[in-house]
Structure formats: C-alpha cells, structure tokens
Amino acid sequence: MKAVRLVKFGSPRDALRLEDLEDPRPGKGEVLVKIEAAGVCGRDLVVRKGAFPHVKPPVIPGHEGVGKVEDVGPGVERDLVGQRVFLAPALYDGTCDYCRRGFENLCRNAQYLGEHRDGTYSEYVVVPSNFVFPFHGIDPREAVLATDVVPTAIAAVRRVDVDGKKVLVVGGGGTGLYLAQVARLRGGDVYISTRSTEKAKAYSSLGIGIYQEGMKDFDVVFDTVGSPTLESSIRLAKRNGVVVLIGNVTGERAVLSPALIILRQIAVLGHMAYKPWDVYEGLDLLRRGLLKPIYTEYKLHEAIKAHEDMEAGRVLGRAVLTP
C-alpha cells in the first residue's frame, strides 16, 4: 500500500516520506479499513516536530479517518465488511478512573492513531473493531471533518455559556472556523481573527464577524493557537471573562504574568478533544446543513504540501487527504 510515514522529526520535507509498504492484515478483534479521506490536524504538525516524547518514528501519522471496512479479523462479525465507518482517533482503555467516570477523552492509557500506532496517512489502516463506527448519508471528505475538528468544537463550546455573549475565536485555521460556526449556532455574537483576506471573505459569508484591532472585552475567548497568543487572548477577555485554550500549534511553553489572570478574575480552561457521541452530533449538523463544510483537498502523495500550506496559513478550512 501507499503510505506517508514520519521517518524522523523536522520540517515536512525532511520528516515525511511517501513509501510503498506491505498491506496490513487485521488480527483478532481488529478490522482493516480502506481510507477514503484523512484529516490533517494541527496536532499532526506538532507531532512531526517532535513535541511528544511517546512518538517514535517511523510511524504513519494521522488520527482522523473515514473509509470502508475491507476485512475483519477473528472474532469480528463479518457484517461490518463493506460498511463506511469513521475511526476513533484515540483508543481508550475503558477501565481507568477517568473512563469509568465518563471522561474517555482524558483516558490515562489512550493510544493515539498516528502516534502510538500507525495512522490514517495511508491507503489502509488496522484498528480494533470497537473503535470504528458506521455512518451513512454524507460524503467522506465532509464526514472526516466530524471525526475530530467538528466534535472538538462542539465539546469545547459546551464547556461555556455563549448564548447572547460576545465571543472571539483566536486563530482562523480549521479548528477556529468550526469553533466559530458552532458558537454562532449556539447563539453567540462571534468574531474570528485572521490575517488572510480570502479567509475573512469566506468567514464573513457565514455570518461570522472579523476581529479588528482595538476590539476588546469579549465574554468568551477561544484560543486555538496557544503559546504565541495566550497572553493577548487573556487581555482581550473582559473582567470575569473566560478563555478556553484549545490548541498549542507550536508546542512551545507560554510566558505570561499571573497578574493578568488574578487581577481581572479571568477563568482559563483547557479543553481536550471530545466524547464519541459528539461525532454523531457533528455528522448530523453537517448532514442538515447547519455547519458549512469547508476544506482543502490534497491527494495522499501531497501530504508534505498540506503540512507546508498549513504552516504558512494557506489552507482554507481543514486540510483533507484523499487516495
């Protein structure tokens, strides 16, 4: 099979390599999925740079995927074969204290596709059968949006009350776009920051306001960038406001004064991923046209270009790889 592997940490051209590999075979309790669409997440860029110690090259990146079940291993019902499924990006154990309390997104022993095991930048991937979920009625290139970026936005917006509130989304990438759409759907007066004229035009057409220099006193600020923008995000929140940190695209540490948080009584929340059922809510919103699916399509062999374009801010919406 064709696959893009992370062979070492570094720039896209140094770290990623298109290779011909042996087709994987499903073992006991596993399924073989032929990938129809794979999302490129900002986390993939951080992984490629070597920010996560648990990632050991060579490994196939990618934790967002949609495809059809082509084969199953022993112990798996064969009626799954031929069904279109989305993949859970993280394989949680279901037994740790967080999983038992319903916080699977915080599982102590989660195994991430594209990090702990081979992921979705490939023609085929093997995963445990209980981590694939059938769906229908939506194009795979749109459905893959609901495997991570859309449900993450749904879960993050659920953490705070945005109805009737002045909301700012910092970062006009794929995560920011869907956060803004979901927050607006939930009743927020939403603005998004972007330096791209093309993105500003696209986002304005969705009814999303464009942040202008001098704006301040936001009730809620969603920061999708992380360390480079965290201090300014806190300054942009009103007194007694909320900042939700949902991304750290550079993987670097942030430096800020605690007084910014203390004296203005700002609540800073970290948000991690989503619950499995949030994917189905995302699929439903996309299917009903309540969210606009905006993505930039690349072929699998163009994964390096997708990473370069994301780092340069040239991707409109989500980057999606197709065979």
C-alpha atoms as a PDB file:
ATOM      1  CA  MET A   1       0.000   0.000   0.000  1.00  0.00           C
ATOM      2  CA  LYS A   2       0.948   3.660  -0.358  1.00  0.00           C
ATOM      3  CA  ALA A   3       1.536   5.493   2.895  1.00  0.00           C
ATOM      4  CA  VAL A   4       3.201   8.631   4.138  1.00  0.00           C
ATOM      5  CA  ARG A   5       5.485   7.877   7.057  1.00  0.00           C
ATOM      6  CA  LEU A   6       7.093  10.078   9.661  1.00  0.00           C
ATOM      7  CA  VAL A   7      10.696   8.888   9.375  1.00  0.00           C
ATOM      8  CA  LYS A   8      12.227  11.499  11.683  1.00  0.00           C
ATOM      9  CA  PHE A   9      11.321  14.777  13.333  1.00  0.00           C
ATOM     10  CA  GLY A  10      11.729  18.025  11.436  1.00  0.00           C
ATOM     11  CA  SER A  11      10.343  20.019   8.521  1.00  0.00           C
ATOM     12  CA  PRO A  12       7.711  18.453   6.249  1.00  0.00           C
ATOM     13  CA  ARG A  13      10.251  17.626   3.525  1.00  0.00           C
ATOM     14  CA  ASP A  14      12.748  16.154   5.998  1.00  0.00           C
ATOM     15  CA  ALA A  15      10.287  14.250   8.170  1.00  0.00           C
ATOM     16  CA  LEU A  16       7.598  12.881   5.835  1.00  0.00           C
ATOM     17  CA  ARG A  17       8.184  10.269   3.150  1.00  0.00           C
ATOM     18  CA  LEU A  18       5.804   8.574   0.680  1.00  0.00           C
ATOM     19  CA  GLU A  19       6.535   4.829   0.765  1.00  0.00           C
ATOM     20  CA  ASP A  20       5.271   1.522  -0.583  1.00  0.00           C
ATOM     21  CA  LEU A  21       4.530  -0.728   2.377  1.00  0.00           C
ATOM     22  CA  GLU A  22       3.065  -4.195   2.795  1.00  0.00           C
ATOM     23  CA  ASP A  23      -0.720  -4.194   3.161  1.00  0.00           C
ATOM     24  CA  PRO A  24      -1.641  -4.624   6.851  1.00  0.00           C
ATOM     25  CA  ARG A  25      -3.806  -7.561   7.942  1.00  0.00           C
ATOM     26  CA  PRO A  26      -6.331  -7.460  10.780  1.00  0.00           C
ATOM     27  CA  GLY A  27      -5.639  -9.594  13.818  1.00  0.00           C
ATOM     28  CA  LYS A  28      -8.031 -10.886  16.441  1.00  0.00           C
ATOM     29  CA  GLY A  29     -10.713  -8.304  17.217  1.00  0.00           C
ATOM     30  CA  GLU A  30      -9.460  -5.934  14.510  1.00  0.00           C
ATOM     31  CA  VAL A  31     -10.742  -4.544  11.216  1.00  0.00           C
ATOM     32  CA  LEU A  32      -8.984  -3.449   8.040  1.00  0.00           C
ATOM     33  CA  VAL A  33     -10.270  -0.084   6.773  1.00  0.00           C
ATOM     34  CA  LYS A  34      -9.605   1.283   3.285  1.00  0.00           C
ATOM     35  CA  ILE A  35      -9.167   5.022   3.855  1.00  0.00           C
ATOM     36  CA  GLU A  36     -11.341   7.323   1.732  1.00  0.00           C
ATOM     37  CA  ALA A  37     -10.439  10.577   3.499  1.00  0.00           C
ATOM     38  CA  ALA A  38      -7.965  11.550   6.209  1.00  0.00           C
ATOM     39  CA  GLY A  39      -7.908  14.871   8.012  1.00  0.00           C
ATOM     40  CA  VAL A  40      -4.702  16.780   8.668  1.00  0.00           C
ATOM     41  CA  CYS A  41      -4.808  18.208  12.177  1.00  0.00           C
ATOM     42  CA  GLY A  42      -2.646  20.888  13.743  1.00  0.00           C
ATOM     43  CA  ARG A  43      -1.609  18.205  16.227  1.00  0.00           C
ATOM     44  CA  ASP A  44      -0.029  16.315  13.305  1.00  0.00           C
ATOM     45  CA  LEU A  45       2.307  19.268  12.765  1.00  0.00           C
ATOM     46  CA  VAL A  46       3.282  19.281  16.433  1.00  0.00           C
ATOM     47  CA  VAL A  47       3.873  15.506  16.285  1.00  0.00           C
ATOM     48  CA  ARG A  48       6.073  15.964  13.217  1.00  0.00           C
ATOM     49  CA  LYS A  49       8.219  18.498  15.074  1.00  0.00           C
ATOM     50  CA  GLY A  50       8.918  16.029  17.890  1.00  0.00           C
ATOM     51  CA  ALA A  51       6.959  17.691  20.690  1.00  0.00           C
ATOM     52  CA  PHE A  52       5.512  14.415  22.033  1.00  0.00           C
ATOM     53  CA  PRO A  53       8.078  12.091  23.661  1.00  0.00           C
ATOM     54  CA  HIS A  54       5.896   8.995  23.197  1.00  0.00           C
ATOM     55  CA  VAL A  55       6.072   9.249  19.372  1.00  0.00           C
ATOM     56  CA  LYS A  56       8.838   7.035  17.979  1.00  0.00           C
ATOM     57  CA  PRO A  57       9.494   7.189  14.203  1.00  0.00           C
ATOM     58  CA  PRO A  58       8.959   5.507  11.872  1.00  0.00           C
ATOM     59  CA  VAL A  59       5.201   5.739  12.193  1.00  0.00           C
ATOM     60  CA  ILE A  60       2.343   6.618   9.817  1.00  0.00           C
ATOM     61  CA  PRO A  61       0.796   9.904  11.051  1.00  0.00           C
ATOM     62  CA  GLY A  62      -2.864  10.863  11.134  1.00  0.00           C
ATOM     63  CA  HIS A  63      -5.659  10.283  13.648  1.00  0.00           C
ATOM     64  CA  GLU A  64      -8.623  11.427  11.547  1.00  0.00           C
ATOM     65  CA  GLY A  65     -10.043   8.923   9.103  1.00  0.00           C
ATOM     66  CA  VAL A  66     -13.112   7.737   7.217  1.00  0.00           C
ATOM     67  CA  GLY A  67     -13.331   4.683   4.977  1.00  0.00           C
ATOM     68  CA  LYS A  68     -14.872   1.308   4.249  1.00  0.00           C
ATOM     69  CA  VAL A  69     -14.232  -1.881   6.174  1.00  0.00           C
ATOM     70  CA  GLU A  70     -12.487  -4.232   3.747  1.00  0.00           C
ATOM     71  CA  ASP A  71     -11.752  -7.186   6.026  1.00  0.00           C
ATOM     72  CA  VAL A  72     -12.113  -8.309   9.633  1.00  0.00           C
ATOM     73  CA  GLY A  73     -10.021 -10.450  11.903  1.00  0.00           C
ATOM     74  CA  PRO A  74     -11.053 -13.423  14.061  1.00  0.00           C
ATOM     75  CA  GLY A  75     -13.841 -12.646  16.495  1.00  0.00           C
ATOM     76  CA  VAL A  76     -15.344  -9.791  14.475  1.00  0.00           C
ATOM     77  CA  GLU A  77     -18.758 -10.048  12.820  1.00  0.00           C
ATOM     78  CA  ARG A  78     -18.371 -10.073   9.028  1.00  0.00           C
ATOM     79  CA  ASP A  79     -21.434  -7.865   8.545  1.00  0.00           C
ATOM     80  CA  LEU A  80     -19.074  -4.934   9.135  1.00  0.00           C
ATOM     81  CA  VAL A  81     -17.389  -5.642   5.797  1.00  0.00           C
ATOM     82  CA  GLY A  82     -18.395  -3.033   3.221  1.00  0.00           C
ATOM     83  CA  GLN A  83     -19.730  -0.568   5.762  1.00  0.00           C
ATOM     84  CA  ARG A  84     -18.495   3.025   5.739  1.00  0.00           C
ATOM     85  CA  VAL A  85     -17.092   3.961   9.141  1.00  0.00           C
ATOM     86  CA  PHE A  86     -15.281   6.725  10.953  1.00  0.00           C
ATOM     87  CA  LEU A  87     -12.342   5.903  13.195  1.00  0.00           C
ATOM     88  CA  ALA A  88     -11.939   6.984  16.786  1.00  0.00           C
ATOM     89  CA  PRO A  89      -8.662   8.944  16.843  1.00  0.00           C
ATOM     90  CA  ALA A  90      -7.749   7.668  20.295  1.00  0.00           C
ATOM     91  CA  LEU A  91      -8.147   4.123  21.561  1.00  0.00           C
ATOM     92  CA  TYR A  92      -9.079   4.424  25.232  1.00  0.00           C
ATOM     93  CA  ASP A  93      -8.893   1.510  27.657  1.00  0.00           C
ATOM     94  CA  GLY A  94     -12.346   1.937  29.228  1.00  0.00           C
ATOM     95  CA  THR A  95     -11.062   0.866  32.633  1.00  0.00           C
ATOM     96  CA  CYS A  96      -9.080   3.778  34.079  1.00  0.00           C
ATOM     97  CA  ASP A  97     -10.625   6.113  36.649  1.00  0.00           C
ATOM     98  CA  TYR A  98     -11.377   8.772  34.016  1.00  0.00           C
ATOM     99  CA  CYS A  99     -13.009   6.351  31.586  1.00  0.00           C
ATOM    100  CA  ARG A 100     -15.163   4.905  34.376  1.00  0.00           C
ATOM    101  CA  ARG A 101     -16.401   8.436  35.170  1.00  0.00           C
ATOM    102  CA  GLY A 102     -17.288   9.151  31.530  1.00  0.00           C
ATOM    103  CA  PHE A 103     -14.184  11.158  30.624  1.00  0.00           C
ATOM    104  CA  GLU A 104     -12.837   8.887  27.902  1.00  0.00           C
ATOM    105  CA  ASN A 105     -11.171  11.933  26.320  1.00  0.00           C
ATOM    106  CA  LEU A 106      -8.882  12.045  29.383  1.00  0.00           C
ATOM    107  CA  CYS A 107      -8.066   8.317  29.445  1.00  0.00           C
ATOM    108  CA  ARG A 108      -4.763   7.695  31.251  1.00  0.00           C
ATOM    109  CA  ASN A 109      -3.786   4.950  28.802  1.00  0.00           C
ATOM    110  CA  ALA A 110      -5.092   6.294  25.485  1.00  0.00           C
ATOM    111  CA  GLN A 111      -3.322   5.062  22.358  1.00  0.00           C
ATOM    112  CA  TYR A 112      -3.433   7.621  19.562  1.00  0.00           C
ATOM    113  CA  LEU A 113      -3.560   6.722  15.894  1.00  0.00           C
ATOM    114  CA  GLY A 114      -0.578   8.252  14.165  1.00  0.00           C
ATOM    115  CA  GLU A 115       1.406   8.372  17.387  1.00  0.00           C
ATOM    116  CA  HIS A 116       1.335   5.130  19.366  1.00  0.00           C
ATOM    117  CA  ARG A 117       0.358   3.123  16.295  1.00  0.00           C
ATOM    118  CA  ASP A 118       0.104   3.659  12.538  1.00  0.00           C
ATOM    119  CA  GLY A 119      -2.494   6.190  11.498  1.00  0.00           C
ATOM    120  CA  THR A 120      -4.509   7.366   8.530  1.00  0.00           C
ATOM    121  CA  TYR A 121      -1.991   8.888   6.072  1.00  0.00           C
ATOM    122  CA  SER A 122      -2.256   5.622   4.168  1.00  0.00           C
ATOM    123  CA  GLU A 123      -4.426   3.566   1.874  1.00  0.00           C
ATOM    124  CA  TYR A 124      -5.267   1.108   4.661  1.00  0.00           C
ATOM    125  CA  VAL A 125      -5.250   1.087   8.442  1.00  0.00           C
ATOM    126  CA  VAL A 126      -5.942  -1.612  11.043  1.00  0.00           C
ATOM    127  CA  VAL A 127      -7.789  -0.721  14.249  1.00  0.00           C
ATOM    128  CA  PRO A 128      -9.753  -2.567  16.964  1.00  0.00           C
ATOM    129  CA  SER A 129     -13.315  -3.227  15.836  1.00  0.00           C
ATOM    130  CA  ASN A 130     -14.854  -1.375  18.797  1.00  0.00           C
ATOM    131  CA  PHE A 131     -13.229   1.851  17.628  1.00  0.00           C
ATOM    132  CA  VAL A 132     -14.926   2.059  14.230  1.00  0.00           C
ATOM    133  CA  PHE A 133     -18.423   3.499  13.949  1.00  0.00           C
ATOM    134  CA  PRO A 134     -20.756   3.086  10.938  1.00  0.00           C
ATOM    135  CA  PHE A 135     -22.466   6.089   9.354  1.00  0.00           C
ATOM    136  CA  HIS A 136     -24.158   6.986   6.067  1.00  0.00           C
ATOM    137  CA  GLY A 137     -25.582   9.839   4.040  1.00  0.00           C
ATOM    138  CA  ILE A 138     -22.595  12.172   3.808  1.00  0.00           C
ATOM    139  CA  ASP A 139     -19.547  12.495   1.560  1.00  0.00           C
ATOM    140  CA  PRO A 140     -16.396  11.035   3.189  1.00  0.00           C
ATOM    141  CA  ARG A 141     -14.474  14.284   2.614  1.00  0.00           C
ATOM    142  CA  GLU A 142     -17.091  16.095   4.680  1.00  0.00           C
ATOM    143  CA  ALA A 143     -17.588  13.265   7.164  1.00  0.00           C
ATOM    144  CA  VAL A 144     -13.898  13.284   8.117  1.00  0.00           C
ATOM    145  CA  LEU A 145     -14.451  16.789   9.495  1.00  0.00           C
ATOM    146  CA  ALA A 146     -16.709  15.197  12.097  1.00  0.00           C
ATOM    147  CA  THR A 147     -14.007  12.810  13.292  1.00  0.00           C
ATOM    148  CA  ASP A 148     -12.096  15.498  15.186  1.00  0.00           C
ATOM    149  CA  VAL A 149     -12.362  19.206  14.406  1.00  0.00           C
ATOM    150  CA  VAL A 150     -16.171  19.473  14.493  1.00  0.00           C
ATOM    151  CA  PRO A 151     -16.800  17.353  17.633  1.00  0.00           C
ATOM    152  CA  THR A 152     -13.917  19.112  19.391  1.00  0.00           C
ATOM    153  CA  ALA A 153     -15.643  22.414  18.633  1.00  0.00           C
ATOM    154  CA  ILE A 154     -18.981  21.028  19.860  1.00  0.00           C
ATOM    155  CA  ALA A 155     -17.460  19.797  23.127  1.00  0.00           C
ATOM    156  CA  ALA A 156     -15.463  23.000  23.709  1.00  0.00           C
ATOM    157  CA  VAL A 157     -18.450  25.282  23.179  1.00  0.00           C
ATOM    158  CA  ARG A 158     -20.457  23.092  25.543  1.00  0.00           C
ATOM    159  CA  ARG A 159     -17.996  23.956  28.321  1.00  0.00           C
ATOM    160  CA  VAL A 160     -19.116  27.596  28.476  1.00  0.00           C
ATOM    161  CA  ASP A 161     -22.280  29.655  28.009  1.00  0.00           C
ATOM    162  CA  VAL A 162     -22.017  31.527  24.711  1.00  0.00           C
ATOM    163  CA  ASP A 163     -25.703  32.302  24.171  1.00  0.00           C
ATOM    164  CA  GLY A 164     -26.029  36.063  23.765  1.00  0.00           C
ATOM    165  CA  LYS A 165     -22.353  36.521  24.598  1.00  0.00           C
ATOM    166  CA  LYS A 166     -19.609  38.348  22.714  1.00  0.00           C
ATOM    167  CA  VAL A 167     -17.230  35.611  21.571  1.00  0.00           C
ATOM    168  CA  LEU A 168     -13.796  35.743  19.972  1.00  0.00           C
ATOM    169  CA  VAL A 169     -12.078  32.829  18.259  1.00  0.00           C
ATOM    170  CA  VAL A 170      -8.321  33.384  18.047  1.00  0.00           C
ATOM    171  CA  GLY A 171      -6.865  31.640  15.001  1.00  0.00           C
ATOM    172  CA  GLY A 172      -8.539  31.406  11.616  1.00  0.00           C
ATOM    173  CA  GLY A 173      -7.478  27.857  10.769  1.00  0.00           C
ATOM    174  CA  GLY A 174      -9.690  24.781  10.525  1.00  0.00           C
ATOM    175  CA  THR A 175     -10.279  24.485  14.274  1.00  0.00           C
ATOM    176  CA  GLY A 176     -11.120  28.171  14.572  1.00  0.00           C
ATOM    177  CA  LEU A 177     -13.541  28.059  11.649  1.00  0.00           C
ATOM    178  CA  TYR A 178     -15.644  25.259  13.149  1.00  0.00           C
ATOM    179  CA  LEU A 179     -15.477  26.695  16.675  1.00  0.00           C
ATOM    180  CA  ALA A 180     -16.853  29.947  15.279  1.00  0.00           C
ATOM    181  CA  GLN A 181     -19.635  28.160  13.413  1.00  0.00           C
ATOM    182  CA  VAL A 182     -20.675  26.100  16.434  1.00  0.00           C
ATOM    183  CA  ALA A 183     -20.528  29.082  18.808  1.00  0.00           C
ATOM    184  CA  ARG A 184     -22.691  31.089  16.415  1.00  0.00           C
ATOM    185  CA  LEU A 185     -25.121  28.177  16.132  1.00  0.00           C
ATOM    186  CA  ARG A 186     -25.365  28.215  19.950  1.00  0.00           C
ATOM    187  CA  GLY A 187     -26.353  31.879  20.000  1.00  0.00           C
ATOM    188  CA  GLY A 188     -23.028  33.681  20.302  1.00  0.00           C
ATOM    189  CA  ASP A 189     -22.103  37.008  18.698  1.00  0.00           C
ATOM    190  CA  VAL A 190     -18.956  35.566  17.172  1.00  0.00           C
ATOM    191  CA  TYR A 191     -15.780  37.136  15.793  1.00  0.00           C
ATOM    192  CA  ILE A 192     -12.691  35.383  14.445  1.00  0.00           C
ATOM    193  CA  SER A 193      -9.141  36.621  13.970  1.00  0.00           C
ATOM    194  CA  THR A 194      -7.389  36.031  10.654  1.00  0.00           C
ATOM    195  CA  ARG A 195      -4.763  37.870   8.601  1.00  0.00           C
ATOM    196  CA  SER A 196      -5.980  36.248   5.371  1.00  0.00           C
ATOM    197  CA  THR A 197      -8.227  38.313   3.108  1.00  0.00           C
ATOM    198  CA  GLU A 198      -9.510  35.116   1.468  1.00  0.00           C
ATOM    199  CA  LYS A 199     -10.428  33.578   4.813  1.00  0.00           C
ATOM    200  CA  ALA A 200     -12.013  36.777   6.063  1.00  0.00           C
ATOM    201  CA  LYS A 201     -14.246  36.885   2.998  1.00  0.00           C
ATOM    202  CA  ALA A 202     -15.251  33.225   3.407  1.00  0.00           C
ATOM    203  CA  TYR A 203     -15.951  33.568   7.128  1.00  0.00           C
ATOM    204  CA  SER A 204     -17.929  36.788   6.671  1.00  0.00           C
ATOM    205  CA  SER A 205     -20.181  34.958   4.208  1.00  0.00           C
ATOM    206  CA  LEU A 206     -21.093  32.614   7.068  1.00  0.00           C
ATOM    207  CA  GLY A 207     -22.178  35.496   9.280  1.00  0.00           C
ATOM    208  CA  ILE A 208     -19.008  35.426  11.390  1.00  0.00           C
ATOM    209  CA  GLY A 209     -17.555  38.799  12.346  1.00  0.00           C
ATOM    210  CA  ILE A 210     -13.901  39.545  11.608  1.00  0.00           C
ATOM    211  CA  TYR A 211     -11.810  40.754  14.539  1.00  0.00           C
ATOM    212  CA  GLN A 212     -10.417  44.266  14.090  1.00  0.00           C
ATOM    213  CA  GLU A 213      -7.577  45.890  16.008  1.00  0.00           C
ATOM    214  CA  GLY A 214      -8.910  47.692  19.072  1.00  0.00           C
ATOM    215  CA  MET A 215     -11.768  45.298  19.818  1.00  0.00           C
ATOM    216  CA  LYS A 216     -11.810  44.066  23.431  1.00  0.00           C
ATOM    217  CA  ASP A 217     -13.983  42.973  26.354  1.00  0.00           C
ATOM    218  CA  PHE A 218     -15.066  39.607  24.973  1.00  0.00           C
ATOM    219  CA  ASP A 219     -17.141  37.424  27.305  1.00  0.00           C
ATOM    220  CA  VAL A 220     -15.522  34.266  25.936  1.00  0.00           C
ATOM    221  CA  VAL A 221     -12.269  33.826  24.027  1.00  0.00           C
ATOM    222  CA  PHE A 222     -11.414  30.502  22.359  1.00  0.00           C
ATOM    223  CA  ASP A 223      -7.674  30.348  21.689  1.00  0.00           C
ATOM    224  CA  THR A 224      -6.750  27.767  19.045  1.00  0.00           C
ATOM    225  CA  VAL A 225      -3.140  28.909  18.666  1.00  0.00           C
ATOM    226  CA  GLY A 226      -1.620  28.564  22.148  1.00  0.00           C
ATOM    227  CA  SER A 227       1.620  29.990  23.472  1.00  0.00           C
ATOM    228  CA  PRO A 228       2.099  32.736  20.831  1.00  0.00           C
ATOM    229  CA  THR A 229      -1.350  34.250  21.510  1.00  0.00           C
ATOM    230  CA  LEU A 230      -2.327  33.189  25.046  1.00  0.00           C
ATOM    231  CA  GLU A 231      -1.357  36.442  26.771  1.00  0.00           C
ATOM    232  CA  SER A 232      -3.169  38.577  24.204  1.00  0.00           C
ATOM    233  CA  SER A 233      -6.226  36.302  24.448  1.00  0.00           C
ATOM    234  CA  ILE A 234      -6.342  36.902  28.196  1.00  0.00           C
ATOM    235  CA  ARG A 235      -6.039  40.662  27.643  1.00  0.00           C
ATOM    236  CA  LEU A 236      -8.913  40.570  25.139  1.00  0.00           C
ATOM    237  CA  ALA A 237     -11.283  38.887  27.608  1.00  0.00           C
ATOM    238  CA  LYS A 238     -13.428  41.159  29.752  1.00  0.00           C
ATOM    239  CA  ARG A 239     -13.098  41.195  33.532  1.00  0.00           C
ATOM    240  CA  ASN A 240     -14.602  37.980  34.892  1.00  0.00           C
ATOM    241  CA  GLY A 241     -14.459  36.555  31.366  1.00  0.00           C
ATOM    242  CA  VAL A 242     -13.461  33.097  30.194  1.00  0.00           C
ATOM    243  CA  VAL A 243     -10.562  31.972  27.995  1.00  0.00           C
ATOM    244  CA  VAL A 244     -10.747  28.441  26.611  1.00  0.00           C
ATOM    245  CA  LEU A 245      -7.392  27.128  25.436  1.00  0.00           C
ATOM    246  CA  ILE A 246      -7.884  24.508  22.748  1.00  0.00           C
ATOM    247  CA  GLY A 247      -4.634  24.420  20.801  1.00  0.00           C
ATOM    248  CA  ASN A 248      -0.881  24.903  21.014  1.00  0.00           C
ATOM    249  CA  VAL A 249       0.310  24.806  17.429  1.00  0.00           C
ATOM    250  CA  THR A 250       3.995  25.453  18.148  1.00  0.00           C
ATOM    251  CA  GLY A 251       4.299  23.049  21.077  1.00  0.00           C
ATOM    252  CA  GLU A 252       6.231  25.743  22.954  1.00  0.00           C
ATOM    253  CA  ARG A 253       5.835  26.965  26.534  1.00  0.00           C
ATOM    254  CA  ALA A 254       3.882  30.145  27.178  1.00  0.00           C
ATOM    255  CA  VAL A 255       5.259  33.040  29.235  1.00  0.00           C
ATOM    256  CA  LEU A 256       2.732  35.347  30.878  1.00  0.00           C
ATOM    257  CA  SER A 257       2.101  37.296  34.059  1.00  0.00           C
ATOM    258  CA  PRO A 258      -0.278  35.620  36.550  1.00  0.00           C
ATOM    259  CA  ALA A 259      -1.461  39.108  37.471  1.00  0.00           C
ATOM    260  CA  LEU A 260      -3.317  39.262  34.146  1.00  0.00           C
ATOM    261  CA  ILE A 261      -5.491  36.399  35.317  1.00  0.00           C
ATOM    262  CA  ILE A 262      -5.735  37.274  39.007  1.00  0.00           C
ATOM    263  CA  LEU A 263      -6.473  40.995  38.919  1.00  0.00           C
ATOM    264  CA  ARG A 264      -9.049  40.683  36.148  1.00  0.00           C
ATOM    265  CA  GLN A 265     -10.515  37.439  37.540  1.00  0.00           C
ATOM    266  CA  ILE A 266     -10.196  35.572  34.272  1.00  0.00           C
ATOM    267  CA  ALA A 267     -11.131  31.879  34.146  1.00  0.00           C
ATOM    268  CA  VAL A 268      -8.722  29.944  31.917  1.00  0.00           C
ATOM    269  CA  LEU A 269      -9.956  26.499  30.839  1.00  0.00           C
ATOM    270  CA  GLY A 270      -8.034  23.853  28.988  1.00  0.00           C
ATOM    271  CA  HIS A 271     -10.051  21.691  26.635  1.00  0.00           C
ATOM    272  CA  MET A 272      -9.136  18.242  25.346  1.00  0.00           C
ATOM    273  CA  ALA A 273     -10.922  16.546  22.440  1.00  0.00           C
ATOM    274  CA  TYR A 274     -14.471  15.189  22.805  1.00  0.00           C
ATOM    275  CA  LYS A 275     -16.650  12.192  23.658  1.00  0.00           C
ATOM    276  CA  PRO A 276     -17.509   9.554  20.997  1.00  0.00           C
ATOM    277  CA  TRP A 277     -21.145  10.624  20.685  1.00  0.00           C
ATOM    278  CA  ASP A 278     -20.080  14.161  19.755  1.00  0.00           C
ATOM    279  CA  VAL A 279     -19.024  12.755  16.361  1.00  0.00           C
ATOM    280  CA  TYR A 280     -22.593  11.719  15.579  1.00  0.00           C
ATOM    281  CA  GLU A 281     -23.836  15.178  16.595  1.00  0.00           C
ATOM    282  CA  GLY A 282     -21.254  16.675  14.237  1.00  0.00           C
ATOM    283  CA  LEU A 283     -22.314  14.391  11.391  1.00  0.00           C
ATOM    284  CA  ASP A 284     -25.930  15.390  11.985  1.00  0.00           C
ATOM    285  CA  LEU A 285     -25.132  19.116  11.903  1.00  0.00           C
ATOM    286  CA  LEU A 286     -23.201  18.693   8.655  1.00  0.00           C
ATOM    287  CA  ARG A 287     -25.879  16.480   7.108  1.00  0.00           C
ATOM    288  CA  ARG A 288     -28.606  19.016   7.945  1.00  0.00           C
ATOM    289  CA  GLY A 289     -26.599  21.918   6.550  1.00  0.00           C
ATOM    290  CA  LEU A 290     -26.276  23.681   9.909  1.00  0.00           C
ATOM    291  CA  LEU A 291     -22.500  23.687   9.592  1.00  0.00           C
ATOM    292  CA  LYS A 292     -20.770  24.638   6.358  1.00  0.00           C
ATOM    293  CA  PRO A 293     -18.155  22.012   5.386  1.00  0.00           C
ATOM    294  CA  ILE A 294     -15.116  23.977   4.246  1.00  0.00           C
ATOM    295  CA  TYR A 295     -11.974  22.027   3.423  1.00  0.00           C
ATOM    296  CA  THR A 296      -8.994  21.991   1.066  1.00  0.00           C
ATOM    297  CA  GLU A 297      -8.405  18.649  -0.642  1.00  0.00           C
ATOM    298  CA  TYR A 298      -4.964  17.137  -1.230  1.00  0.00           C
ATOM    299  CA  LYS A 299      -4.012  13.749  -2.620  1.00  0.00           C
ATOM    300  CA  LEU A 300      -2.185  11.400  -0.255  1.00  0.00           C
ATOM    301  CA  HIS A 301       1.111  11.995  -2.055  1.00  0.00           C
ATOM    302  CA  GLU A 302       0.649  15.729  -1.396  1.00  0.00           C
ATOM    303  CA  ALA A 303       0.787  15.357   2.408  1.00  0.00           C
ATOM    304  CA  ILE A 304       4.062  17.304   2.556  1.00  0.00           C
ATOM    305  CA  LYS A 305       2.455  20.208   0.697  1.00  0.00           C
ATOM    306  CA  ALA A 306      -0.559  20.051   3.038  1.00  0.00           C
ATOM    307  CA  HIS A 307       1.754  20.437   6.046  1.00  0.00           C
ATOM    308  CA  GLU A 308       3.643  23.290   4.390  1.00  0.00           C
ATOM    309  CA  ASP A 309       0.426  25.074   3.440  1.00  0.00           C
ATOM    310  CA  MET A 310      -0.968  24.702   6.955  1.00  0.00           C
ATOM    311  CA  GLU A 311       2.172  26.161   8.495  1.00  0.00           C
ATOM    312  CA  ALA A 312       2.020  29.077   6.046  1.00  0.00           C
ATOM    313  CA  GLY A 313      -1.681  29.699   6.782  1.00  0.00           C
ATOM    314  CA  ARG A 314      -2.707  28.950   3.198  1.00  0.00           C
ATOM    315  CA  VAL A 315      -5.326  26.265   3.954  1.00  0.00           C
ATOM    316  CA  LEU A 316      -8.957  27.334   3.847  1.00  0.00           C
ATOM    317  CA  GLY A 317     -10.860  25.227   6.376  1.00  0.00           C
ATOM    318  CA  ARG A 318      -9.486  21.762   7.074  1.00  0.00           C
ATOM    319  CA  ALA A 319      -6.826  20.015   5.003  1.00  0.00           C
ATOM    320  CA  VAL A 320      -8.150  16.642   3.811  1.00  0.00           C
ATOM    321  CA  LEU A 321      -6.101  13.873   2.179  1.00  0.00           C
ATOM    322  CA  THR A 322      -7.756  11.539  -0.322  1.00  0.00           C
ATOM    323  CA  PRO A 323      -6.299   8.495  -2.165  1.00  0.00           C
END
